[in-house]
């Protein structure tokens, strides 16, 4: 009886090490890219930047709210109202703000504001049926 020689076929240890290193580096690169926000379009987020100024005209005692909203997220936001809590002022707004867009407006205020006082301005809205609320303290200033 003649024995056949059996030949084991396998990759060399050097080639195996190179493959493992390549997979590790590729996974590390994906993790780094994800942590740096390169895949931010795969996640849904709302991010609204609010800039507000309360301007008081000392000669007429008229007050105005200058409001600028910027949608830095990747979802559209419906802005529904703005409040100035310390005076109970509520300004209804019906504005849709798509991603990357800006909205600016000046609103006359019916309550008397005092220059040098700080007021809490809150912007209310919703995105994908989830509430979006942004609050900031604003120092009233003269013209």
N, C-alpha and C. Protein backbone atom coordinates (compact mmCIF):
# COMPACT_ATOMS: atom_id res chain seq x y z
N UNK A 1 0.82 -1.16 0.00
CA UNK A 1 0.00 0.00 0.00
C UNK A 1 0.88 1.24 0.00
N UNK A 2 0.56 2.15 -0.89
CA UNK A 2 1.35 3.36 -1.05
C UNK A 2 0.65 4.50 -0.32
N UNK A 3 1.41 5.15 0.52
CA UNK A 3 0.84 6.29 1.26
C UNK A 3 0.95 7.54 0.42
N UNK A 4 -0.14 8.26 0.39
CA UNK A 4 -0.11 9.55 -0.27
C UNK A 4 0.38 10.59 0.73
N UNK A 5 1.18 11.47 0.24
CA UNK A 5 1.61 12.53 1.15
C UNK A 5 0.50 13.58 1.23
N UNK A 6 0.19 13.96 2.39
CA UNK A 6 -0.85 14.95 2.62
C UNK A 6 -0.16 16.29 2.81
N UNK A 7 -0.63 17.21 2.03
CA UNK A 7 -0.03 18.53 2.08
C UNK A 7 -1.03 19.49 2.71
N UNK A 8 -0.70 20.07 3.82
CA UNK A 8 -1.58 21.05 4.46
C UNK A 8 -1.45 22.39 3.76
N UNK A 9 -2.58 22.93 3.39
CA UNK A 9 -2.57 24.23 2.75
C UNK A 9 -3.04 25.27 3.75
N UNK A 10 -2.20 26.24 4.00
CA UNK A 10 -2.53 27.31 4.95
C UNK A 10 -1.73 28.55 4.57
N UNK A 11 -2.12 29.66 5.13
CA UNK A 11 -1.37 30.89 4.85
C UNK A 11 -0.20 30.97 5.82
N UNK A 12 0.81 31.64 5.42
CA UNK A 12 1.98 31.76 6.28
C UNK A 12 1.67 32.70 7.45
N UNK A 13 2.45 32.59 8.48
CA UNK A 13 2.22 33.42 9.67
C UNK A 13 2.46 34.90 9.35
N UNK A 14 3.37 35.21 8.45
CA UNK A 14 3.63 36.60 8.08
C UNK A 14 2.41 37.18 7.36
N UNK A 15 1.85 36.43 6.41
CA UNK A 15 0.68 36.90 5.69
C UNK A 15 -0.52 37.05 6.63
N UNK A 16 -0.66 36.14 7.58
CA UNK A 16 -1.74 36.23 8.57
C UNK A 16 -1.61 37.48 9.43
N UNK A 17 -0.40 37.80 9.83
CA UNK A 17 -0.15 39.00 10.63
C UNK A 17 -0.48 40.25 9.84
N UNK A 18 -0.10 40.29 8.57
CA UNK A 18 -0.39 41.45 7.72
C UNK A 18 -1.91 41.63 7.58
N UNK A 19 -2.65 40.57 7.40
CA UNK A 19 -4.10 40.66 7.25
C UNK A 19 -4.74 41.18 8.54
N UNK A 20 -4.29 40.66 9.68
CA UNK A 20 -4.84 41.12 10.96
C UNK A 20 -4.53 42.60 11.17
N UNK A 21 -3.33 43.03 10.84
CA UNK A 21 -2.97 44.46 10.97
C UNK A 21 -3.83 45.33 10.05
N UNK A 22 -4.05 44.87 8.83
CA UNK A 22 -4.86 45.65 7.88
C UNK A 22 -6.29 45.81 8.39
N UNK A 23 -6.87 44.75 8.93
CA UNK A 23 -8.23 44.82 9.47
C UNK A 23 -8.27 45.76 10.67
N UNK A 24 -7.28 45.68 11.55
CA UNK A 24 -7.23 46.55 12.73
C UNK A 24 -7.12 48.01 12.34
N UNK A 25 -6.27 48.33 11.37
CA UNK A 25 -6.10 49.72 10.93
C UNK A 25 -7.38 50.23 10.27
N UNK A 26 -8.03 49.40 9.47
CA UNK A 26 -9.27 49.81 8.82
C UNK A 26 -10.36 50.10 9.85
N UNK A 27 -10.51 49.23 10.84
CA UNK A 27 -11.51 49.46 11.88
C UNK A 27 -11.18 50.70 12.71
N UNK A 28 -9.91 50.90 13.00
CA UNK A 28 -9.48 52.10 13.73
C UNK A 28 -9.78 53.37 12.94
N UNK A 29 -9.59 53.33 11.63
CA UNK A 29 -9.90 54.49 10.78
C UNK A 29 -11.38 54.79 10.76
N UNK A 30 -12.21 53.75 10.70
CA UNK A 30 -13.66 53.96 10.74
C UNK A 30 -14.10 54.54 12.08
N UNK A 31 -13.54 54.05 13.17
CA UNK A 31 -13.88 54.57 14.49
C UNK A 31 -13.45 56.04 14.61
N UNK A 32 -12.28 56.37 14.12
CA UNK A 32 -11.82 57.76 14.16
C UNK A 32 -12.73 58.65 13.33
N UNK A 33 -13.09 58.22 12.13
CA UNK A 33 -13.97 59.03 11.27
C UNK A 33 -15.32 59.24 11.93
N UNK A 34 -15.86 58.23 12.57
CA UNK A 34 -17.15 58.35 13.25
C UNK A 34 -17.05 59.33 14.41
N UNK A 35 -15.96 59.24 15.18
CA UNK A 35 -15.80 60.12 16.34
C UNK A 35 -15.59 61.57 15.92
N UNK A 36 -15.09 61.82 14.74
CA UNK A 36 -14.86 63.18 14.26
C UNK A 36 -16.07 63.75 13.53
N UNK A 37 -17.15 63.00 13.46
CA UNK A 37 -18.38 63.50 12.87
C UNK A 37 -18.46 63.35 11.37
N UNK A 38 -17.62 62.54 10.78
CA UNK A 38 -17.65 62.39 9.33
C UNK A 38 -18.89 61.64 8.86
N UNK A 39 -19.54 60.93 9.78
CA UNK A 39 -20.75 60.22 9.44
C UNK A 39 -21.97 60.89 10.05
N UNK A 40 -21.88 62.20 10.29
CA UNK A 40 -22.98 62.90 10.96
C UNK A 40 -24.26 62.88 10.14
N UNK A 41 -24.16 62.75 8.82
CA UNK A 41 -25.37 62.69 8.02
C UNK A 41 -26.10 61.37 8.19
N UNK A 42 -25.47 60.38 8.81
CA UNK A 42 -26.14 59.12 9.08
C UNK A 42 -26.97 59.18 10.36
N UNK A 43 -26.67 60.15 11.22
CA UNK A 43 -27.42 60.33 12.44
C UNK A 43 -28.31 61.55 12.30
N UNK A 44 -29.45 61.53 12.95
CA UNK A 44 -30.37 62.65 12.88
C UNK A 44 -30.20 63.49 14.14
N UNK A 45 -29.95 64.78 13.94
CA UNK A 45 -29.81 65.65 15.09
C UNK A 45 -30.42 67.01 14.82
N UNK A 46 -30.84 67.63 15.90
CA UNK A 46 -31.34 69.00 15.83
C UNK A 46 -30.36 69.87 16.58
N UNK A 47 -30.01 70.97 15.98
CA UNK A 47 -29.09 71.91 16.60
C UNK A 47 -29.46 73.29 16.10
N UNK A 48 -30.06 74.08 16.97
CA UNK A 48 -30.48 75.42 16.58
C UNK A 48 -29.65 76.44 17.35
N UNK A 49 -29.09 77.39 16.63
CA UNK A 49 -28.31 78.46 17.22
C UNK A 49 -29.22 79.68 17.32
N UNK A 50 -29.37 80.21 18.54
CA UNK A 50 -30.25 81.35 18.77
C UNK A 50 -29.41 82.56 19.15
N UNK A 51 -29.64 83.66 18.45
CA UNK A 51 -29.04 84.94 18.80
C UNK A 51 -30.18 85.92 19.00
N UNK A 52 -30.21 86.55 20.17
CA UNK A 52 -31.30 87.47 20.47
C UNK A 52 -30.75 88.74 21.10
N UNK A 53 -31.39 89.86 20.75
CA UNK A 53 -31.06 91.16 21.35
C UNK A 53 -32.36 91.85 21.70
N UNK A 54 -32.40 92.43 22.87
CA UNK A 54 -33.53 93.28 23.25
C UNK A 54 -33.02 94.71 23.22
N UNK A 55 -33.66 95.51 22.37
CA UNK A 55 -33.22 96.89 22.19
C UNK A 55 -34.31 97.82 22.75
N UNK A 56 -33.88 98.76 23.57
CA UNK A 56 -34.79 99.72 24.17
C UNK A 56 -34.43 101.10 23.64
N UNK A 57 -35.44 101.81 23.12
CA UNK A 57 -35.25 103.18 22.68
C UNK A 57 -35.58 104.08 23.88
N UNK A 58 -34.56 104.75 24.46
CA UNK A 58 -34.81 105.51 25.69
C UNK A 58 -35.70 106.74 25.48
N UNK A 59 -35.73 107.29 24.29
CA UNK A 59 -36.54 108.49 24.07
C UNK A 59 -38.03 108.16 23.93
N UNK A 60 -38.35 106.98 23.39
CA UNK A 60 -39.77 106.62 23.21
C UNK A 60 -40.21 105.47 24.12
N UNK A 61 -39.27 104.84 24.81
CA UNK A 61 -39.54 103.66 25.65
C UNK A 61 -40.07 102.48 24.86
N UNK A 62 -39.91 102.48 23.54
CA UNK A 62 -40.29 101.33 22.73
C UNK A 62 -39.20 100.27 22.85
N UNK A 63 -39.62 99.00 22.83
CA UNK A 63 -38.68 97.88 22.94
C UNK A 63 -38.89 96.94 21.76
N UNK A 64 -37.78 96.33 21.34
CA UNK A 64 -37.81 95.41 20.21
C UNK A 64 -36.96 94.19 20.53
N UNK A 65 -37.38 93.06 19.99
CA UNK A 65 -36.60 91.82 20.08
C UNK A 65 -36.05 91.52 18.69
N UNK A 66 -34.73 91.53 18.56
CA UNK A 66 -34.09 91.11 17.31
C UNK A 66 -33.70 89.65 17.48
N UNK A 67 -34.24 88.80 16.62
CA UNK A 67 -34.05 87.36 16.76
C UNK A 67 -33.45 86.80 15.49
N UNK A 68 -32.40 86.00 15.64
CA UNK A 68 -31.79 85.28 14.52
C UNK A 68 -31.66 83.82 14.93
N UNK A 69 -32.20 82.94 14.09
CA UNK A 69 -32.15 81.50 14.33
C UNK A 69 -31.42 80.84 13.17
N UNK A 70 -30.49 79.94 13.48
CA UNK A 70 -29.76 79.19 12.46
C UNK A 70 -29.90 77.71 12.79
N UNK A 71 -30.34 76.92 11.81
CA UNK A 71 -30.49 75.48 12.00
C UNK A 71 -29.18 74.80 11.58
N UNK A 72 -28.37 74.41 12.57
CA UNK A 72 -27.10 73.74 12.31
C UNK A 72 -27.22 72.22 12.31
N UNK A 73 -28.41 71.70 12.54
CA UNK A 73 -28.62 70.25 12.55
C UNK A 73 -28.90 69.74 11.15
N UNK A 74 -29.29 68.47 11.06
CA UNK A 74 -29.62 67.91 9.75
C UNK A 74 -31.09 67.53 9.64
N UNK A 75 -31.92 68.08 10.54
CA UNK A 75 -33.37 67.90 10.48
C UNK A 75 -34.03 69.27 10.44
N UNK A 76 -35.15 69.37 9.73
CA UNK A 76 -35.91 70.61 9.73
C UNK A 76 -36.58 70.84 11.08
N UNK A 77 -36.76 72.11 11.44
CA UNK A 77 -37.36 72.46 12.72
C UNK A 77 -38.51 73.43 12.47
N UNK A 78 -39.66 73.16 13.09
CA UNK A 78 -40.80 74.08 13.07
C UNK A 78 -40.72 74.95 14.33
N UNK A 79 -40.52 76.25 14.15
CA UNK A 79 -40.49 77.17 15.28
C UNK A 79 -41.93 77.63 15.52
N UNK A 80 -42.39 77.51 16.77
CA UNK A 80 -43.79 77.81 17.06
C UNK A 80 -44.00 79.08 17.88
N UNK A 81 -43.08 79.38 18.80
CA UNK A 81 -43.23 80.61 19.58
C UNK A 81 -41.94 80.98 20.27
N UNK A 82 -41.88 82.25 20.69
CA UNK A 82 -40.77 82.78 21.48
C UNK A 82 -41.38 83.46 22.69
N UNK A 83 -40.81 83.19 23.85
CA UNK A 83 -41.31 83.84 25.06
C UNK A 83 -40.19 84.61 25.74
N UNK A 84 -40.59 85.68 26.41
CA UNK A 84 -39.70 86.41 27.31
C UNK A 84 -40.33 86.23 28.68
N UNK A 85 -39.77 85.31 29.45
CA UNK A 85 -40.43 84.80 30.65
C UNK A 85 -40.64 85.84 31.74
N UNK A 86 -39.69 86.72 31.97
CA UNK A 86 -39.82 87.62 33.11
C UNK A 86 -41.00 88.59 32.95
N UNK A 87 -41.41 88.87 31.72
CA UNK A 87 -42.54 89.78 31.49
C UNK A 87 -43.78 89.06 30.99
N UNK A 88 -43.72 87.76 30.80
CA UNK A 88 -44.87 87.02 30.32
C UNK A 88 -45.20 87.28 28.86
N UNK A 89 -44.23 87.71 28.09
CA UNK A 89 -44.45 88.01 26.67
C UNK A 89 -44.36 86.70 25.88
N UNK A 90 -45.33 86.45 25.02
CA UNK A 90 -45.32 85.28 24.15
C UNK A 90 -45.56 85.75 22.73
N UNK A 91 -44.61 85.44 21.84
CA UNK A 91 -44.70 85.85 20.44
C UNK A 91 -44.94 84.59 19.60
N UNK A 92 -46.14 84.44 19.02
CA UNK A 92 -46.37 83.26 18.18
C UNK A 92 -45.64 83.40 16.84
N UNK A 93 -44.95 82.34 16.47
CA UNK A 93 -44.22 82.30 15.19
C UNK A 93 -44.56 80.97 14.53
N UNK A 94 -44.74 80.99 13.25
CA UNK A 94 -44.95 79.75 12.50
C UNK A 94 -43.94 79.72 11.36
N UNK A 95 -42.73 79.23 11.68
CA UNK A 95 -41.64 79.24 10.72
C UNK A 95 -41.05 77.84 10.63
N UNK A 96 -40.90 77.36 9.39
CA UNK A 96 -40.18 76.11 9.16
C UNK A 96 -38.75 76.46 8.78
N UNK A 97 -37.79 75.90 9.51
CA UNK A 97 -36.38 76.20 9.30
C UNK A 97 -35.67 74.93 8.82
N UNK A 98 -35.41 74.83 7.49
CA UNK A 98 -34.71 73.65 6.97
C UNK A 98 -33.26 73.61 7.46
N UNK A 99 -32.61 72.46 7.37
CA UNK A 99 -31.20 72.36 7.77
C UNK A 99 -30.33 73.36 7.01
N UNK A 100 -29.45 74.02 7.75
CA UNK A 100 -28.51 74.97 7.15
C UNK A 100 -29.10 76.34 6.85
N UNK A 101 -30.36 76.57 7.16
CA UNK A 101 -31.00 77.85 6.84
C UNK A 101 -31.05 78.76 8.06
N UNK A 102 -31.30 80.04 7.79
CA UNK A 102 -31.34 81.06 8.83
C UNK A 102 -32.65 81.83 8.75
N UNK A 103 -33.13 82.28 9.90
CA UNK A 103 -34.34 83.11 9.99
C UNK A 103 -34.02 84.30 10.88
N UNK A 104 -34.34 85.50 10.42
CA UNK A 104 -34.12 86.71 11.20
C UNK A 104 -35.37 87.57 11.15
N UNK A 105 -35.69 88.20 12.27
CA UNK A 105 -36.84 89.09 12.31
C UNK A 105 -36.70 89.99 13.54
N UNK A 106 -37.37 91.13 13.48
CA UNK A 106 -37.44 92.05 14.61
C UNK A 106 -38.89 92.17 15.02
N UNK A 107 -39.15 91.96 16.32
CA UNK A 107 -40.51 91.98 16.84
C UNK A 107 -40.66 93.14 17.82
N UNK A 108 -41.71 93.98 17.64
CA UNK A 108 -41.98 95.01 18.64
C UNK A 108 -42.53 94.34 19.91
N UNK A 109 -42.11 94.82 21.06
CA UNK A 109 -42.56 94.25 22.32
C UNK A 109 -43.57 95.19 22.97
N UNK A 110 -44.64 94.62 23.48
CA UNK A 110 -45.71 95.43 24.07
C UNK A 110 -45.40 95.80 25.51
N UNK A 111 -44.60 95.03 26.20
CA UNK A 111 -44.24 95.35 27.59
C UNK A 111 -43.03 96.26 27.62
N UNK A 112 -42.97 97.06 28.64
CA UNK A 112 -41.83 97.96 28.79
C UNK A 112 -40.62 97.18 29.28
N UNK A 113 -39.53 97.31 28.56
CA UNK A 113 -38.27 96.68 28.95
C UNK A 113 -37.34 97.75 29.48
N UNK A 114 -36.46 97.34 30.38
CA UNK A 114 -35.54 98.28 31.00
C UNK A 114 -34.13 97.95 30.54
N UNK A 115 -33.46 98.93 29.98
CA UNK A 115 -32.08 98.73 29.53
C UNK A 115 -31.21 98.40 30.74
N UNK A 116 -30.34 97.42 30.57
CA UNK A 116 -29.47 96.98 31.64
C UNK A 116 -30.01 95.78 32.41
N UNK A 117 -31.29 95.46 32.21
CA UNK A 117 -31.89 94.28 32.85
C UNK A 117 -31.65 93.05 31.97
N UNK A 118 -31.59 91.88 32.61
CA UNK A 118 -31.43 90.62 31.89
C UNK A 118 -32.77 89.92 31.82
N UNK A 119 -33.12 89.45 30.62
CA UNK A 119 -34.39 88.76 30.39
C UNK A 119 -34.11 87.37 29.82
N UNK A 120 -34.97 86.42 30.16
CA UNK A 120 -34.83 85.06 29.67
C UNK A 120 -35.69 84.89 28.42
N UNK A 121 -35.03 84.61 27.30
CA UNK A 121 -35.71 84.41 26.02
C UNK A 121 -35.68 82.91 25.72
N UNK A 122 -36.87 82.35 25.43
CA UNK A 122 -36.97 80.92 25.14
C UNK A 122 -37.63 80.74 23.78
N UNK A 123 -37.01 79.93 22.93
CA UNK A 123 -37.53 79.61 21.61
C UNK A 123 -38.08 78.19 21.66
N UNK A 124 -39.34 78.02 21.22
CA UNK A 124 -39.99 76.71 21.23
C UNK A 124 -40.23 76.25 19.80
N UNK A 125 -40.08 74.95 19.59
CA UNK A 125 -40.36 74.37 18.28
C UNK A 125 -40.45 72.87 18.40
N UNK A 126 -40.51 72.21 17.23
CA UNK A 126 -40.52 70.75 17.21
C UNK A 126 -39.87 70.26 15.92
N UNK A 127 -39.35 69.06 16.02
CA UNK A 127 -38.70 68.42 14.88
C UNK A 127 -38.98 66.93 14.98
N UNK A 128 -39.59 66.36 13.94
CA UNK A 128 -39.97 64.94 13.94
C UNK A 128 -40.80 64.59 15.17
N UNK A 129 -41.75 65.46 15.49
CA UNK A 129 -42.65 65.29 16.64
C UNK A 129 -41.94 65.25 17.98
N UNK A 130 -40.73 65.80 18.05
CA UNK A 130 -40.01 65.91 19.31
C UNK A 130 -39.80 67.39 19.61
N UNK A 131 -40.00 67.79 20.87
CA UNK A 131 -39.86 69.21 21.19
C UNK A 131 -38.42 69.69 21.09
N UNK A 132 -38.28 70.92 20.64
CA UNK A 132 -36.99 71.60 20.58
C UNK A 132 -37.15 72.89 21.37
N UNK A 133 -36.35 73.08 22.42
CA UNK A 133 -36.44 74.26 23.26
C UNK A 133 -35.02 74.79 23.46
N UNK A 134 -34.87 76.07 23.24
CA UNK A 134 -33.57 76.72 23.43
C UNK A 134 -33.79 77.98 24.26
N UNK A 135 -33.05 78.11 25.36
CA UNK A 135 -33.22 79.22 26.30
C UNK A 135 -31.91 79.96 26.43
N UNK A 136 -32.02 81.29 26.53
CA UNK A 136 -30.83 82.11 26.74
C UNK A 136 -31.19 83.35 27.52
N UNK A 137 -30.23 83.89 28.24
CA UNK A 137 -30.41 85.15 28.94
C UNK A 137 -29.91 86.28 28.06
N UNK A 138 -30.72 87.34 27.97
CA UNK A 138 -30.40 88.45 27.08
C UNK A 138 -30.40 89.73 27.89
N UNK A 139 -29.35 90.51 27.72
CA UNK A 139 -29.23 91.81 28.38
C UNK A 139 -29.84 92.87 27.49
N UNK A 140 -30.85 93.56 27.98
CA UNK A 140 -31.48 94.63 27.21
C UNK A 140 -30.53 95.82 27.13
N UNK A 141 -30.44 96.41 25.94
CA UNK A 141 -29.54 97.54 25.74
C UNK A 141 -30.26 98.64 24.98
N UNK A 142 -29.69 99.84 25.04
CA UNK A 142 -30.27 100.96 24.34
C UNK A 142 -29.80 100.96 22.89
N UNK A 143 -30.48 101.77 22.10
CA UNK A 143 -30.19 101.84 20.65
C UNK A 143 -28.77 102.29 20.42
